[in-house]
Amino acid sequence: IIASTPEVGWPTPETLARIALDGSDTDIRPTLAGYLARQKPVTDIFEDMHRRYGVAIVYPHKILCAGGRCRVMLDSKPIYRDSHHLIYRGVELLHPALDPLLDR
């Protein structure tokens, strides 16, 4: 199971472009604490499934949210296509967590 990616809450590419054009320093990166709070009911179920049945769970936030904030860009380009779906460059960041599961 792949858990939900952190939700940005804004259409990411458009919002980042607007911020760049305005010269703003607005930070749209979601906080890890906020994401974990929103996901707690689902995470609890996933953890129970892992304990009971050995279900493998991939948590994108463990890769995307180092330092308390979740990244929304890679090499100055968005990794989301909207407010909560990763595009190819975002998914590439998850390879270290996915590769061991695909080798089974």
PDB file of N, CA and C in Angstrom:
ATOM      1  N   ILE A   1       0.858  -1.176   0.000  1.00  0.00           N
ATOM      2  CA  ILE A   1       0.000   0.000   0.000  1.00  0.00           C
ATOM      3  C   ILE A   1       0.896   1.228   0.000  1.00  0.00           C
ATOM      4  N   ILE A   2       0.546   2.179  -0.842  1.00  0.00           N
ATOM      5  CA  ILE A   2       1.238   3.460  -0.832  1.00  0.00           C
ATOM      6  C   ILE A   2       0.295   4.467  -0.177  1.00  0.00           C
ATOM      7  N   ALA A   3       0.721   5.034   0.926  1.00  0.00           N
ATOM      8  CA  ALA A   3      -0.092   6.015   1.644  1.00  0.00           C
ATOM      9  C   ALA A   3      -0.202   7.300   0.829  1.00  0.00           C
ATOM     10  N   SER A   4      -1.090   8.149   1.239  1.00  0.00           N
ATOM     11  CA  SER A   4      -1.305   9.423   0.548  1.00  0.00           C
ATOM     12  C   SER A   4      -0.075  10.310   0.601  1.00  0.00           C
ATOM     13  N   THR A   5       0.111  11.061  -0.467  1.00  0.00           N
ATOM     14  CA  THR A   5       1.168  12.066  -0.467  1.00  0.00           C
ATOM     15  C   THR A   5       0.673  13.284   0.308  1.00  0.00           C
ATOM     16  N   PRO A   6       1.583  14.055   0.863  1.00  0.00           N
ATOM     17  CA  PRO A   6       1.166  15.271   1.568  1.00  0.00           C
ATOM     18  C   PRO A   6       0.413  16.215   0.629  1.00  0.00           C
ATOM     19  N   GLU A   7      -0.708  16.730   1.103  1.00  0.00           N
ATOM     20  CA  GLU A   7      -1.539  17.626   0.315  1.00  0.00           C
ATOM     21  C   GLU A   7      -1.010  19.047   0.454  1.00  0.00           C
ATOM     22  N   VAL A   8      -0.791  19.700  -0.677  1.00  0.00           N
ATOM     23  CA  VAL A   8      -0.282  21.063  -0.654  1.00  0.00           C
ATOM     24  C   VAL A   8      -1.403  22.050  -0.349  1.00  0.00           C
ATOM     25  N   GLY A   9      -2.590  21.780  -0.867  1.00  0.00           N
ATOM     26  CA  GLY A   9      -3.719  22.656  -0.598  1.00  0.00           C
ATOM     27  C   GLY A   9      -3.920  23.738  -1.639  1.00  0.00           C
ATOM     28  N   TRP A  10      -3.020  23.826  -2.588  1.00  0.00           N
ATOM     29  CA  TRP A  10      -3.101  24.821  -3.660  1.00  0.00           C
ATOM     30  C   TRP A  10      -2.705  24.144  -4.963  1.00  0.00           C
ATOM     31  N   PRO A  11      -3.204  24.620  -6.107  1.00  0.00           N
ATOM     32  CA  PRO A  11      -2.711  24.067  -7.376  1.00  0.00           C
ATOM     33  C   PRO A  11      -1.235  24.433  -7.509  1.00  0.00           C
ATOM     34  N   THR A  12      -0.383  23.494  -7.229  1.00  0.00           N
ATOM     35  CA  THR A  12       1.039  23.746  -7.012  1.00  0.00           C
ATOM     36  C   THR A  12       1.757  24.462  -8.154  1.00  0.00           C
ATOM     37  N   PRO A  13       1.722  23.958  -9.403  1.00  0.00           N
ATOM     38  CA  PRO A  13       2.474  24.659 -10.453  1.00  0.00           C
ATOM     39  C   PRO A  13       2.025  26.114 -10.631  1.00  0.00           C
ATOM     40  N   GLU A  14       0.710  26.327 -10.652  1.00  0.00           N
ATOM     41  CA  GLU A  14       0.194  27.679 -10.839  1.00  0.00           C
ATOM     42  C   GLU A  14       0.563  28.583  -9.668  1.00  0.00           C
ATOM     43  N   THR A  15       0.438  28.054  -8.467  1.00  0.00           N
ATOM     44  CA  THR A  15       0.744  28.855  -7.283  1.00  0.00           C
ATOM     45  C   THR A  15       2.224  29.204  -7.227  1.00  0.00           C
ATOM     46  N   LEU A  16       3.096  28.245  -7.521  1.00  0.00           N
ATOM     47  CA  LEU A  16       4.533  28.535  -7.525  1.00  0.00           C
ATOM     48  C   LEU A  16       4.887  29.568  -8.592  1.00  0.00           C
ATOM     49  N   ALA A  17       4.234  29.483  -9.760  1.00  0.00           N
ATOM     50  CA  ALA A  17       4.483  30.472 -10.816  1.00  0.00           C
ATOM     51  C   ALA A  17       4.039  31.861 -10.362  1.00  0.00           C
ATOM     52  N   ARG A  18       2.881  31.944  -9.731  1.00  0.00           N
ATOM     53  CA  ARG A  18       2.373  33.226  -9.241  1.00  0.00           C
ATOM     54  C   ARG A  18       3.308  33.815  -8.184  1.00  0.00           C
ATOM     55  N   ILE A  19       3.799  32.978  -7.295  1.00  0.00           N
ATOM     56  CA  ILE A  19       4.722  33.435  -6.254  1.00  0.00           C
ATOM     57  C   ILE A  19       5.999  33.972  -6.895  1.00  0.00           C
ATOM     58  N   ALA A  20       6.511  33.260  -7.890  1.00  0.00           N
ATOM     59  CA  ALA A  20       7.737  33.694  -8.569  1.00  0.00           C
ATOM     60  C   ALA A  20       7.524  35.018  -9.293  1.00  0.00           C
ATOM     61  N   LEU A  21       6.399  35.164  -9.974  1.00  0.00           N
ATOM     62  CA  LEU A  21       6.113  36.395 -10.705  1.00  0.00           C
ATOM     63  C   LEU A  21       5.926  37.594  -9.770  1.00  0.00           C
ATOM     64  N   ASP A  22       5.319  37.335  -8.619  1.00  0.00           N
ATOM     65  CA  ASP A  22       5.083  38.409  -7.648  1.00  0.00           C
ATOM     66  C   ASP A  22       6.333  38.745  -6.843  1.00  0.00           C
ATOM     67  N   GLY A  23       7.344  37.867  -6.903  1.00  0.00           N
ATOM     68  CA  GLY A  23       8.533  38.069  -6.082  1.00  0.00           C
ATOM     69  C   GLY A  23       8.254  37.843  -4.608  1.00  0.00           C
ATOM     70  N   SER A  24       7.235  37.068  -4.335  1.00  0.00           N
ATOM     71  CA  SER A  24       6.825  36.792  -2.954  1.00  0.00           C
ATOM     72  C   SER A  24       7.714  35.734  -2.315  1.00  0.00           C
ATOM     73  N   ASP A  25       7.739  35.721  -1.001  1.00  0.00           N
ATOM     74  CA  ASP A  25       8.471  34.680  -0.284  1.00  0.00           C
ATOM     75  C   ASP A  25       7.514  33.711   0.407  1.00  0.00           C
ATOM     76  N   THR A  26       6.282  33.640  -0.084  1.00  0.00           N
ATOM     77  CA  THR A  26       5.274  32.738   0.467  1.00  0.00           C
ATOM     78  C   THR A  26       5.751  31.297   0.372  1.00  0.00           C
ATOM     79  N   ASP A  27       5.587  30.567   1.460  1.00  0.00           N
ATOM     80  CA  ASP A  27       6.006  29.167   1.528  1.00  0.00           C
ATOM     81  C   ASP A  27       4.762  28.289   1.513  1.00  0.00           C
ATOM     82  N   ILE A  28       4.524  27.578   0.416  1.00  0.00           N
ATOM     83  CA  ILE A  28       3.325  26.727   0.324  1.00  0.00           C
ATOM     84  C   ILE A  28       3.587  25.287   0.739  1.00  0.00           C
ATOM     85  N   ARG A  29       4.810  24.999   1.171  1.00  0.00           N
ATOM     86  CA  ARG A  29       5.116  23.628   1.577  1.00  0.00           C
ATOM     87  C   ARG A  29       4.265  23.245   2.790  1.00  0.00           C
ATOM     88  N   PRO A  30       3.569  22.112   2.707  1.00  0.00           N
ATOM     89  CA  PRO A  30       2.789  21.683   3.864  1.00  0.00           C
ATOM     90  C   PRO A  30       3.705  21.286   5.026  1.00  0.00           C
ATOM     91  N   THR A  31       3.178  21.426   6.229  1.00  0.00           N
ATOM     92  CA  THR A  31       3.951  20.995   7.394  1.00  0.00           C
ATOM     93  C   THR A  31       3.749  19.501   7.606  1.00  0.00           C
ATOM     94  N   LEU A  32       4.786  18.862   8.088  1.00  0.00           N
ATOM     95  CA  LEU A  32       4.697  17.438   8.399  1.00  0.00           C
ATOM     96  C   LEU A  32       3.672  17.204   9.501  1.00  0.00           C
ATOM     97  N   ALA A  33       3.669  18.054  10.513  1.00  0.00           N
ATOM     98  CA  ALA A  33       2.731  17.888  11.628  1.00  0.00           C
ATOM     99  C   ALA A  33       1.278  17.953  11.150  1.00  0.00           C
ATOM    100  N   GLY A  34       0.964  18.893  10.271  1.00  0.00           N
ATOM    101  CA  GLY A  34      -0.393  19.011   9.746  1.00  0.00           C
ATOM    102  C   GLY A  34      -0.796  17.792   8.936  1.00  0.00           C
ATOM    103  N   TYR A  35       0.126  17.335   8.094  1.00  0.00           N
ATOM    104  CA  TYR A  35      -0.141  16.142   7.284  1.00  0.00           C
ATOM    105  C   TYR A  35      -0.399  14.932   8.184  1.00  0.00           C
ATOM    106  N   LEU A  36       0.472  14.719   9.167  1.00  0.00           N
ATOM    107  CA  LEU A  36       0.320  13.559  10.054  1.00  0.00           C
ATOM    108  C   LEU A  36      -0.988  13.612  10.827  1.00  0.00           C
ATOM    109  N   ALA A  37      -1.390  14.796  11.254  1.00  0.00           N
ATOM    110  CA  ALA A  37      -2.654  14.937  11.981  1.00  0.00           C
ATOM    111  C   ALA A  37      -3.842  14.577  11.084  1.00  0.00           C
ATOM    112  N   ARG A  38      -3.826  15.053   9.837  1.00  0.00           N
ATOM    113  CA  ARG A  38      -4.917  14.745   8.908  1.00  0.00           C
ATOM    114  C   ARG A  38      -4.970  13.261   8.562  1.00  0.00           C
ATOM    115  N   GLN A  39      -3.820  12.627   8.497  1.00  0.00           N
ATOM    116  CA  GLN A  39      -3.745  11.235   8.064  1.00  0.00           C
ATOM    117  C   GLN A  39      -3.826  10.218   9.203  1.00  0.00           C
ATOM    118  N   LYS A  40      -3.857  10.668  10.450  1.00  0.00           N
ATOM    119  CA  LYS A  40      -3.781   9.754  11.589  1.00  0.00           C
ATOM    120  C   LYS A  40      -4.790   8.603  11.534  1.00  0.00           C
ATOM    121  N   PRO A  41      -6.064   8.841  11.248  1.00  0.00           N
ATOM    122  CA  PRO A  41      -6.995   7.697  11.206  1.00  0.00           C
ATOM    123  C   PRO A  41      -6.583   6.636  10.176  1.00  0.00           C
ATOM    124  N   VAL A  42      -6.126   7.069   9.016  1.00  0.00           N
ATOM    125  CA  VAL A  42      -5.710   6.129   7.974  1.00  0.00           C
ATOM    126  C   VAL A  42      -4.406   5.448   8.363  1.00  0.00           C
ATOM    127  N   THR A  43      -3.466   6.226   8.885  1.00  0.00           N
ATOM    128  CA  THR A  43      -2.180   5.662   9.303  1.00  0.00           C
ATOM    129  C   THR A  43      -2.374   4.599  10.374  1.00  0.00           C
ATOM    130  N   ASP A  44      -3.290   4.830  11.293  1.00  0.00           N
ATOM    131  CA  ASP A  44      -3.571   3.839  12.340  1.00  0.00           C
ATOM    132  C   ASP A  44      -4.058   2.520  11.721  1.00  0.00           C
ATOM    133  N   ILE A  45      -4.918   2.616  10.714  1.00  0.00           N
ATOM    134  CA  ILE A  45      -5.420   1.412  10.036  1.00  0.00           C
ATOM    135  C   ILE A  45      -4.279   0.708   9.306  1.00  0.00           C
ATOM    136  N   PHE A  46      -3.460   1.489   8.597  1.00  0.00           N
ATOM    137  CA  PHE A  46      -2.331   0.891   7.872  1.00  0.00           C
ATOM    138  C   PHE A  46      -1.376   0.182   8.828  1.00  0.00           C
ATOM    139  N   GLU A  47      -1.085   0.808   9.942  1.00  0.00           N
ATOM    140  CA  GLU A  47      -0.165   0.199  10.913  1.00  0.00           C
ATOM    141  C   GLU A  47      -0.753  -1.089  11.483  1.00  0.00           C
ATOM    142  N   ASP A  48      -2.056  -1.113  11.701  1.00  0.00           N
ATOM    143  CA  ASP A  48      -2.710  -2.328  12.179  1.00  0.00           C
ATOM    144  C   ASP A  48      -2.622  -3.432  11.114  1.00  0.00           C
ATOM    145  N   MET A  49      -2.831  -3.083   9.853  1.00  0.00           N
ATOM    146  CA  MET A  49      -2.720  -4.061   8.763  1.00  0.00           C
ATOM    147  C   MET A  49      -1.291  -4.596   8.667  1.00  0.00           C
ATOM    148  N   HIS A  50      -0.330  -3.728   8.882  1.00  0.00           N
ATOM    149  CA  HIS A  50       1.068  -4.160   8.843  1.00  0.00           C
ATOM    150  C   HIS A  50       1.360  -5.146   9.982  1.00  0.00           C
ATOM    151  N   ARG A  51       0.914  -4.805  11.183  1.00  0.00           N
ATOM    152  CA  ARG A  51       1.146  -5.678  12.338  1.00  0.00           C
ATOM    153  C   ARG A  51       0.445  -7.029  12.172  1.00  0.00           C
ATOM    154  N   ARG A  52      -0.813  -7.006  11.773  1.00  0.00           N
ATOM    155  CA  ARG A  52      -1.606  -8.233  11.700  1.00  0.00           C
ATOM    156  C   ARG A  52      -1.258  -9.127  10.509  1.00  0.00           C
ATOM    157  N   TYR A  53      -1.043  -8.489   9.346  1.00  0.00           N
ATOM    158  CA  TYR A  53      -0.933  -9.270   8.117  1.00  0.00           C
ATOM    159  C   TYR A  53       0.385  -9.107   7.379  1.00  0.00           C
ATOM    160  N   GLY A  54       1.256  -8.277   7.900  1.00  0.00           N
ATOM    161  CA  GLY A  54       2.534  -8.064   7.247  1.00  0.00           C
ATOM    162  C   GLY A  54       2.455  -7.246   5.964  1.00  0.00           C
ATOM    163  N   VAL A  55       1.381  -6.495   5.810  1.00  0.00           N
ATOM    164  CA  VAL A  55       1.200  -5.661   4.614  1.00  0.00           C
ATOM    165  C   VAL A  55       2.305  -4.612   4.567  1.00  0.00           C
ATOM    166  N   ALA A  56       2.945  -4.489   3.420  1.00  0.00           N
ATOM    167  CA  ALA A  56       3.992  -3.473   3.248  1.00  0.00           C
ATOM    168  C   ALA A  56       3.335  -2.125   2.971  1.00  0.00           C
ATOM    169  N   ILE A  57       3.765  -1.108   3.699  1.00  0.00           N
ATOM    170  CA  ILE A  57       3.232   0.240   3.548  1.00  0.00           C
ATOM    171  C   ILE A  57       4.380   1.170   3.176  1.00  0.00           C
ATOM    172  N   VAL A  58       4.180   1.960   2.132  1.00  0.00           N
ATOM    173  CA  VAL A  58       5.149   2.992   1.756  1.00  0.00           C
ATOM    174  C   VAL A  58       4.543   4.324   2.166  1.00  0.00           C
ATOM    175  N   TYR A  59       5.300   5.076   2.944  1.00  0.00           N
ATOM    176  CA  TYR A  59       4.847   6.385   3.419  1.00  0.00           C
ATOM    177  C   TYR A  59       5.636   7.476   2.694  1.00  0.00           C
ATOM    178  N   PRO A  60       5.041   8.099   1.664  1.00  0.00           N
ATOM    179  CA  PRO A  60       5.744   9.146   0.925  1.00  0.00           C
ATOM    180  C   PRO A  60       6.260  10.289   1.805  1.00  0.00           C
ATOM    181  N   HIS A  61       5.567  10.575   2.890  1.00  0.00           N
ATOM    182  CA  HIS A  61       6.010  11.693   3.731  1.00  0.00           C
ATOM    183  C   HIS A  61       7.390  11.447   4.337  1.00  0.00           C
ATOM    184  N   LYS A  62       7.770  10.185   4.500  1.00  0.00           N
ATOM    185  CA  LYS A  62       9.090   9.902   5.077  1.00  0.00           C
ATOM    186  C   LYS A  62      10.210  10.336   4.140  1.00  0.00           C
ATOM    187  N   ILE A  63       9.907  10.458   2.857  1.00  0.00           N
ATOM    188  CA  ILE A  63      10.890  10.921   1.877  1.00  0.00           C
ATOM    189  C   ILE A  63      10.679  12.400   1.553  1.00  0.00           C
ATOM    190  N   LEU A  64       9.430  12.807   1.448  1.00  0.00           N
ATOM    191  CA  LEU A  64       9.123  14.155   0.988  1.00  0.00           C
ATOM    192  C   LEU A  64       9.155  15.219   2.080  1.00  0.00           C
ATOM    193  N   CYS A  65       9.137  14.818   3.345  1.00  0.00           N
ATOM    194  CA  CYS A  65       8.949  15.797   4.415  1.00  0.00           C
ATOM    195  C   CYS A  65      10.092  15.855   5.427  1.00  0.00           C
ATOM    196  N   ALA A  66      11.299  15.910   4.954  1.00  0.00           N
ATOM    197  CA  ALA A  66      12.443  16.050   5.865  1.00  0.00           C
ATOM    198  C   ALA A  66      12.442  17.461   6.456  1.00  0.00           C
ATOM    199  N   GLY A  67      12.798  17.583   7.702  1.00  0.00           N
ATOM    200  CA  GLY A  67      12.927  18.901   8.307  1.00  0.00           C
ATOM    201  C   GLY A  67      11.623  19.566   8.702  1.00  0.00           C
ATOM    202  N   GLY A  68      10.522  18.821   8.746  1.00  0.00           N
ATOM    203  CA  GLY A  68       9.270  19.390   9.231  1.00  0.00           C
ATOM    204  C   GLY A  68       8.382  20.026   8.181  1.00  0.00           C
ATOM    205  N   ARG A  69       8.889  20.202   6.957  1.00  0.00           N
ATOM    206  CA  ARG A  69       8.082  20.727   5.852  1.00  0.00           C
ATOM    207  C   ARG A  69       8.222  19.766   4.681  1.00  0.00           C
ATOM    208  N   CYS A  70       7.193  19.678   3.870  1.00  0.00           N
ATOM    209  CA  CYS A  70       7.179  18.751   2.745  1.00  0.00           C
ATOM    210  C   CYS A  70       7.548  19.475   1.459  1.00  0.00           C
ATOM    211  N   ARG A  71       8.473  18.888   0.728  1.00  0.00           N
ATOM    212  CA  ARG A  71       8.934  19.550  -0.491  1.00  0.00           C
ATOM    213  C   ARG A  71       7.840  19.562  -1.550  1.00  0.00           C
ATOM    214  N   VAL A  72       7.849  20.616  -2.353  1.00  0.00           N
ATOM    215  CA  VAL A  72       6.911  20.754  -3.458  1.00  0.00           C
ATOM    216  C   VAL A  72       7.650  20.940  -4.783  1.00  0.00           C
ATOM    217  N   MET A  73       8.991  21.072  -4.708  1.00  0.00           N
ATOM    218  CA  MET A  73       9.799  21.268  -5.903  1.00  0.00           C
ATOM    219  C   MET A  73      11.049  20.395  -5.855  1.00  0.00           C
ATOM    220  N   LEU A  74      11.580  20.132  -7.047  1.00  0.00           N
ATOM    221  CA  LEU A  74      12.855  19.456  -7.217  1.00  0.00           C
ATOM    222  C   LEU A  74      13.571  20.187  -8.346  1.00  0.00           C
ATOM    223  N   ASP A  75      14.768  20.634  -8.086  1.00  0.00           N
ATOM    224  CA  ASP A  75      15.525  21.397  -9.087  1.00  0.00           C
ATOM    225  C   ASP A  75      14.724  22.585  -9.618  1.00  0.00           C
ATOM    226  N   SER A  76      14.080  23.303  -8.700  1.00  0.00           N
ATOM    227  CA  SER A  76      13.290  24.510  -9.017  1.00  0.00           C
ATOM    228  C   SER A  76      12.072  24.245  -9.899  1.00  0.00           C
ATOM    229  N   LYS A  77      11.612  22.982  -9.964  1.00  0.00           N
ATOM    230  CA  LYS A  77      10.423  22.634 -10.745  1.00  0.00           C
ATOM    231  C   LYS A  77       9.438  21.901  -9.840  1.00  0.00           C
ATOM    232  N   PRO A  78       8.139  22.125 -10.049  1.00  0.00           N
ATOM    233  CA  PRO A  78       7.134  21.466  -9.201  1.00  0.00           C
ATOM    234  C   PRO A  78       7.204  19.945  -9.309  1.00  0.00           C
ATOM    235  N   ILE A  79       6.892  19.281  -8.212  1.00  0.00           N
ATOM    236  CA  ILE A  79       6.786  17.824  -8.226  1.00  0.00           C
ATOM    237  C   ILE A  79       5.323  17.369  -8.153  1.00  0.00           C
ATOM    238  N   TYR A  80       4.401  18.325  -8.070  1.00  0.00           N
ATOM    239  CA  TYR A  80       2.964  18.041  -8.055  1.00  0.00           C
ATOM    240  C   TYR A  80       2.325  18.578  -9.326  1.00  0.00           C
ATOM    241  N   ARG A  81       1.283  17.900  -9.814  1.00  0.00           N
ATOM    242  CA  ARG A  81       0.546  18.410 -10.973  1.00  0.00           C
ATOM    243  C   ARG A  81      -0.655  19.234 -10.550  1.00  0.00           C
ATOM    244  N   ASP A  82      -1.056  19.064  -9.305  1.00  0.00           N
ATOM    245  CA  ASP A  82      -2.152  19.849  -8.734  1.00  0.00           C
ATOM    246  C   ASP A  82      -1.860  19.994  -7.250  1.00  0.00           C
ATOM    247  N   SER A  83      -2.864  19.940  -6.415  1.00  0.00           N
ATOM    248  CA  SER A  83      -2.608  20.140  -4.983  1.00  0.00           C
ATOM    249  C   SER A  83      -2.185  18.883  -4.234  1.00  0.00           C
ATOM    250  N   HIS A  84      -2.321  17.701  -4.858  1.00  0.00           N
ATOM    251  CA  HIS A  84      -1.999  16.476  -4.114  1.00  0.00           C
ATOM    252  C   HIS A  84      -1.569  15.276  -4.949  1.00  0.00           C
ATOM    253  N   HIS A  85      -1.350  15.440  -6.246  1.00  0.00           N
ATOM    254  CA  HIS A  85      -0.880  14.334  -7.087  1.00  0.00           C
ATOM    255  C   HIS A  85       0.521  14.637  -7.592  1.00  0.00           C
ATOM    256  N   LEU A  86       1.427  13.688  -7.371  1.00  0.00           N
ATOM    257  CA  LEU A  86       2.802  13.850  -7.831  1.00  0.00           C
ATOM    258  C   LEU A  86       2.897  13.644  -9.330  1.00  0.00           C
ATOM    259  N   ILE A  87       3.810  14.374  -9.960  1.00  0.00           N
ATOM    260  CA  ILE A  87       4.146  14.116 -11.349  1.00  0.00           C
ATOM    261  C   ILE A  87       5.406  13.254 -11.354  1.00  0.00           C
ATOM    262  N   TYR A  88       5.872  12.906 -12.536  1.00  0.00           N
ATOM    263  CA  TYR A  88       6.983  11.967 -12.688  1.00  0.00           C
ATOM    264  C   TYR A  88       8.169  12.305 -11.785  1.00  0.00           C
ATOM    265  N   ARG A  89       8.621  13.545 -11.784  1.00  0.00           N
ATOM    266  CA  ARG A  89       9.806  13.888 -10.980  1.00  0.00           C
ATOM    267  C   ARG A  89       9.540  13.711  -9.484  1.00  0.00           C
ATOM    268  N   GLY A  90       8.300  13.846  -9.064  1.00  0.00           N
ATOM    269  CA  GLY A  90       7.956  13.593  -7.666  1.00  0.00           C
ATOM    270  C   GLY A  90       7.965  12.115  -7.341  1.00  0.00           C
ATOM    271  N   VAL A  91       7.429  11.324  -8.249  1.00  0.00           N
ATOM    272  CA  VAL A  91       7.411   9.869  -8.047  1.00  0.00           C
ATOM    273  C   VAL A  91       8.832   9.316  -8.030  1.00  0.00           C
ATOM    274  N   GLU A  92       9.711   9.890  -8.847  1.00  0.00           N
ATOM    275  CA  GLU A  92      11.105   9.435  -8.856  1.00  0.00           C
ATOM    276  C   GLU A  92      11.740   9.530  -7.469  1.00  0.00           C
ATOM    277  N   LEU A  93      11.335  10.508  -6.691  1.00  0.00           N
ATOM    278  CA  LEU A  93      11.870  10.651  -5.335  1.00  0.00           C
ATOM    279  C   LEU A  93      11.509   9.458  -4.456  1.00  0.00           C
ATOM    280  N   LEU A  94      10.422   8.777  -4.802  1.00  0.00           N
ATOM    281  CA  LEU A  94       9.942   7.655  -3.989  1.00  0.00           C
ATOM    282  C   LEU A  94      10.603   6.326  -4.344  1.00  0.00           C
ATOM    283  N   HIS A  95      11.384   6.292  -5.412  1.00  0.00           N
ATOM    284  CA  HIS A  95      12.021   5.036  -5.837  1.00  0.00           C
ATOM    285  C   HIS A  95      12.737   4.301  -4.706  1.00  0.00           C
ATOM    286  N   PRO A  96      13.502   4.963  -3.849  1.00  0.00           N
ATOM    287  CA  PRO A  96      14.195   4.209  -2.785  1.00  0.00           C
ATOM    288  C   PRO A  96      13.237   3.406  -1.899  1.00  0.00           C
ATOM    289  N   ALA A  97      12.024   3.908  -1.709  1.00  0.00           N
ATOM    290  CA  ALA A  97      11.060   3.184  -0.877  1.00  0.00           C
ATOM    291  C   ALA A  97      10.316   2.117  -1.672  1.00  0.00           C
ATOM    292  N   LEU A  98      10.173   2.312  -2.978  1.00  0.00           N
ATOM    293  CA  LEU A  98       9.413   1.368  -3.801  1.00  0.00           C
ATOM    294  C   LEU A  98      10.253   0.220  -4.344  1.00  0.00           C
ATOM    295  N   ASP A  99      11.497   0.482  -4.667  1.00  0.00           N
ATOM    296  CA  ASP A  99      12.339  -0.536  -5.297  1.00  0.00           C
ATOM    297  C   ASP A  99      12.399  -1.853  -4.513  1.00  0.00           C
ATOM    298  N   PRO A 100      12.608  -1.840  -3.209  1.00  0.00           N
ATOM    299  CA  PRO A 100      12.671  -3.125  -2.495  1.00  0.00           C
ATOM    300  C   PRO A 100      11.366  -3.930  -2.593  1.00  0.00           C
ATOM    301  N   LEU A 101      10.234  -3.252  -2.702  1.00  0.00           N
ATOM    302  CA  LEU A 101       8.963  -3.951  -2.788  1.00  0.00           C
ATOM    303  C   LEU A 101       8.751  -4.570  -4.161  1.00  0.00           C
ATOM    304  N   LEU A 102       9.313  -3.950  -5.179  1.00  0.00           N
ATOM    305  CA  LEU A 102       9.142  -4.444  -6.544  1.00  0.00           C
ATOM    306  C   LEU A 102      10.074  -5.604  -6.878  1.00  0.00           C
ATOM    307  N   ASP A 103      11.087  -5.801  -6.051  1.00  0.00           N
ATOM    308  CA  ASP A 103      12.032  -6.886  -6.275  1.00  0.00           C
ATOM    309  C   ASP A 103      11.578  -8.209  -5.673  1.00  0.00           C
ATOM    310  N   ARG A 104      10.428  -8.238  -5.056  1.00  0.00           N
ATOM    311  CA  ARG A 104       9.957  -9.467  -4.399  1.00  0.00           C
ATOM    312  C   ARG A 104       9.630 -10.539  -5.386  1.00  0.00           C
TER     313      ARG A 104
END
